[in-house]
Amino acid sequence: MPGACARWMLRRLFGRVLEAELDRWLYVGDSTNDQAMFGHFPLSVGVANLRRFAGQLHTWPAYLTTGERGEGFAEVARALISARATT
């Protein structure tokens, strides 16, 4: 089952159950090995360099950044900070 490590970590470190609040978490990935998590998390973001692997991807994230690599991760962080500042 996808997310076994994430579920274990969340329960062990924070006493929380991932499946009970899956819609509150965001998964960000940048490689073909992130596909299971893209499919598991309703809120998933792929860093733009995923486009290079289009032929190998069968599960895409819900959103793609415009920036690649670190810039893509920074783009996600900026969006989250901006959204939090407006709520």
C-alpha atoms as a PDB file:
ATOM      1  CA  MET A   1       0.000   0.000   0.000  1.00  0.00           C
ATOM      2  CA  PRO A   2       1.404   3.415  -0.926  1.00  0.00           C
ATOM      3  CA  GLY A   3       2.382   5.714   1.880  1.00  0.00           C
ATOM      4  CA  ALA A   4       3.222   3.011   4.446  1.00  0.00           C
ATOM      5  CA  CYS A   5       6.279   4.917   5.636  1.00  0.00           C
ATOM      6  CA  ALA A   6       4.390   8.220   5.720  1.00  0.00           C
ATOM      7  CA  ARG A   7       1.577   6.612   7.726  1.00  0.00           C
ATOM      8  CA  TRP A   8       4.024   5.029  10.168  1.00  0.00           C
ATOM      9  CA  MET A   9       5.992   8.253  10.640  1.00  0.00           C
ATOM     10  CA  LEU A  10       2.894  10.378  11.190  1.00  0.00           C
ATOM     11  CA  ARG A  11       1.476   7.948  13.733  1.00  0.00           C
ATOM     12  CA  ARG A  12       4.776   7.342  15.516  1.00  0.00           C
ATOM     13  CA  LEU A  13       6.022  10.935  15.691  1.00  0.00           C
ATOM     14  CA  PHE A  14       2.774  12.887  15.908  1.00  0.00           C
ATOM     15  CA  GLY A  15       0.102  10.400  17.021  1.00  0.00           C
ATOM     16  CA  ARG A  16      -1.979  11.146  13.924  1.00  0.00           C
ATOM     17  CA  VAL A  17      -3.685   8.872  11.393  1.00  0.00           C
ATOM     18  CA  LEU A  18      -2.928   9.824   7.794  1.00  0.00           C
ATOM     19  CA  GLU A  19      -5.980   8.136   6.283  1.00  0.00           C
ATOM     20  CA  ALA A  20      -8.274  10.105   8.604  1.00  0.00           C
ATOM     21  CA  GLU A  21      -6.939  13.406   7.291  1.00  0.00           C
ATOM     22  CA  LEU A  22      -5.533  12.597   3.856  1.00  0.00           C
ATOM     23  CA  ASP A  23      -7.223  15.638   2.328  1.00  0.00           C
ATOM     24  CA  ARG A  24      -5.171  17.905   4.640  1.00  0.00           C
ATOM     25  CA  TRP A  25      -1.775  16.740   3.389  1.00  0.00           C
ATOM     26  CA  LEU A  26       0.164  17.660   0.270  1.00  0.00           C
ATOM     27  CA  TYR A  27       2.629  15.319  -1.414  1.00  0.00           C
ATOM     28  CA  VAL A  28       5.360  16.826  -3.595  1.00  0.00           C
ATOM     29  CA  GLY A  29       7.576  14.710  -5.819  1.00  0.00           C
ATOM     30  CA  ASP A  30       9.927  15.008  -8.753  1.00  0.00           C
ATOM     31  CA  SER A  31      10.542  11.523 -10.094  1.00  0.00           C
ATOM     32  CA  THR A  32       8.904   8.439 -11.539  1.00  0.00           C
ATOM     33  CA  ASN A  33       9.278   6.684  -8.171  1.00  0.00           C
ATOM     34  CA  ASP A  34       6.713   9.142  -6.736  1.00  0.00           C
ATOM     35  CA  GLN A  35       3.844   7.809  -8.847  1.00  0.00           C
ATOM     36  CA  ALA A  36       2.288   5.646  -6.120  1.00  0.00           C
ATOM     37  CA  MET A  37       2.150   8.652  -3.811  1.00  0.00           C
ATOM     38  CA  PHE A  38       0.717  10.884  -6.567  1.00  0.00           C
ATOM     39  CA  GLY A  39      -2.102   8.366  -6.873  1.00  0.00           C
ATOM     40  CA  HIS A  40      -2.582   8.047  -3.119  1.00  0.00           C
ATOM     41  CA  PHE A  41      -2.697  11.724  -2.160  1.00  0.00           C
ATOM     42  CA  PRO A  42      -5.572  13.807  -3.576  1.00  0.00           C
ATOM     43  CA  LEU A  43      -3.367  16.884  -3.160  1.00  0.00           C
ATOM     44  CA  SER A  44      -0.210  16.069  -5.053  1.00  0.00           C
ATOM     45  CA  VAL A  45       2.268  18.274  -6.873  1.00  0.00           C
ATOM     46  CA  GLY A  46       4.919  17.239  -9.344  1.00  0.00           C
ATOM     47  CA  VAL A  47       7.979  19.330  -9.981  1.00  0.00           C
ATOM     48  CA  ALA A  48       8.155  20.371 -13.640  1.00  0.00           C
ATOM     49  CA  ASN A  49      11.103  18.136 -14.534  1.00  0.00           C
ATOM     50  CA  LEU A  50       8.601  15.227 -14.434  1.00  0.00           C
ATOM     51  CA  ARG A  51       7.688  16.199 -17.989  1.00  0.00           C
ATOM     52  CA  ARG A  52      10.989  14.647 -19.078  1.00  0.00           C
ATOM     53  CA  PHE A  53       9.627  11.274 -17.949  1.00  0.00           C
ATOM     54  CA  ALA A  54       6.211  11.589 -19.603  1.00  0.00           C
ATOM     55  CA  GLY A  55       6.628   8.284 -21.433  1.00  0.00           C
ATOM     56  CA  GLN A  56       7.312   6.457 -18.175  1.00  0.00           C
ATOM     57  CA  LEU A  57       4.561   8.007 -16.073  1.00  0.00           C
ATOM     58  CA  HIS A  58       1.245   6.223 -15.656  1.00  0.00           C
ATOM     59  CA  THR A  59       0.126   8.254 -12.623  1.00  0.00           C
ATOM     60  CA  TRP A  60       0.462  12.014 -12.740  1.00  0.00           C
ATOM     61  CA  PRO A  61       0.151  14.434  -9.829  1.00  0.00           C
ATOM     62  CA  ALA A  62      -2.874  16.692  -9.545  1.00  0.00           C
ATOM     63  CA  TYR A  63      -0.689  19.752 -10.268  1.00  0.00           C
ATOM     64  CA  LEU A  64       2.667  20.509 -11.892  1.00  0.00           C
ATOM     65  CA  THR A  65       4.969  23.379 -11.002  1.00  0.00           C
ATOM     66  CA  THR A  66       6.408  25.638 -13.667  1.00  0.00           C
ATOM     67  CA  GLY A  67       9.892  25.491 -12.124  1.00  0.00           C
ATOM     68  CA  GLU A  68      12.139  22.451 -12.201  1.00  0.00           C
ATOM     69  CA  ARG A  69      14.044  20.817  -9.355  1.00  0.00           C
ATOM     70  CA  GLY A  70      14.663  23.089  -6.364  1.00  0.00           C
ATOM     71  CA  GLU A  71      12.847  25.987  -7.977  1.00  0.00           C
ATOM     72  CA  GLY A  72       9.744  23.820  -8.301  1.00  0.00           C
ATOM     73  CA  PHE A  73       9.877  22.871  -4.628  1.00  0.00           C
ATOM     74  CA  ALA A  74      10.380  26.551  -3.736  1.00  0.00           C
ATOM     75  CA  GLU A  75       7.363  27.418  -5.901  1.00  0.00           C
ATOM     76  CA  VAL A  76       5.216  25.044  -3.837  1.00  0.00           C
ATOM     77  CA  ALA A  77       6.556  26.500  -0.582  1.00  0.00           C
ATOM     78  CA  ARG A  78       5.819  30.057  -1.726  1.00  0.00           C
ATOM     79  CA  ALA A  79       2.279  29.105  -2.733  1.00  0.00           C
ATOM     80  CA  LEU A  80       1.644  27.479   0.653  1.00  0.00           C
ATOM     81  CA  ILE A  81       3.040  30.448   2.572  1.00  0.00           C
ATOM     82  CA  SER A  82       1.018  32.857   0.455  1.00  0.00           C
ATOM     83  CA  ALA A  83      -2.192  30.870   0.954  1.00  0.00           C
ATOM     84  CA  ARG A  84      -1.610  30.655   4.688  1.00  0.00           C
ATOM     85  CA  ALA A  85      -1.027  34.425   4.926  1.00  0.00           C
ATOM     86  CA  THR A  86      -4.423  35.109   3.340  1.00  0.00           C
ATOM     87  CA  THR A  87      -6.412  32.849   5.684  1.00  0.00           C
END
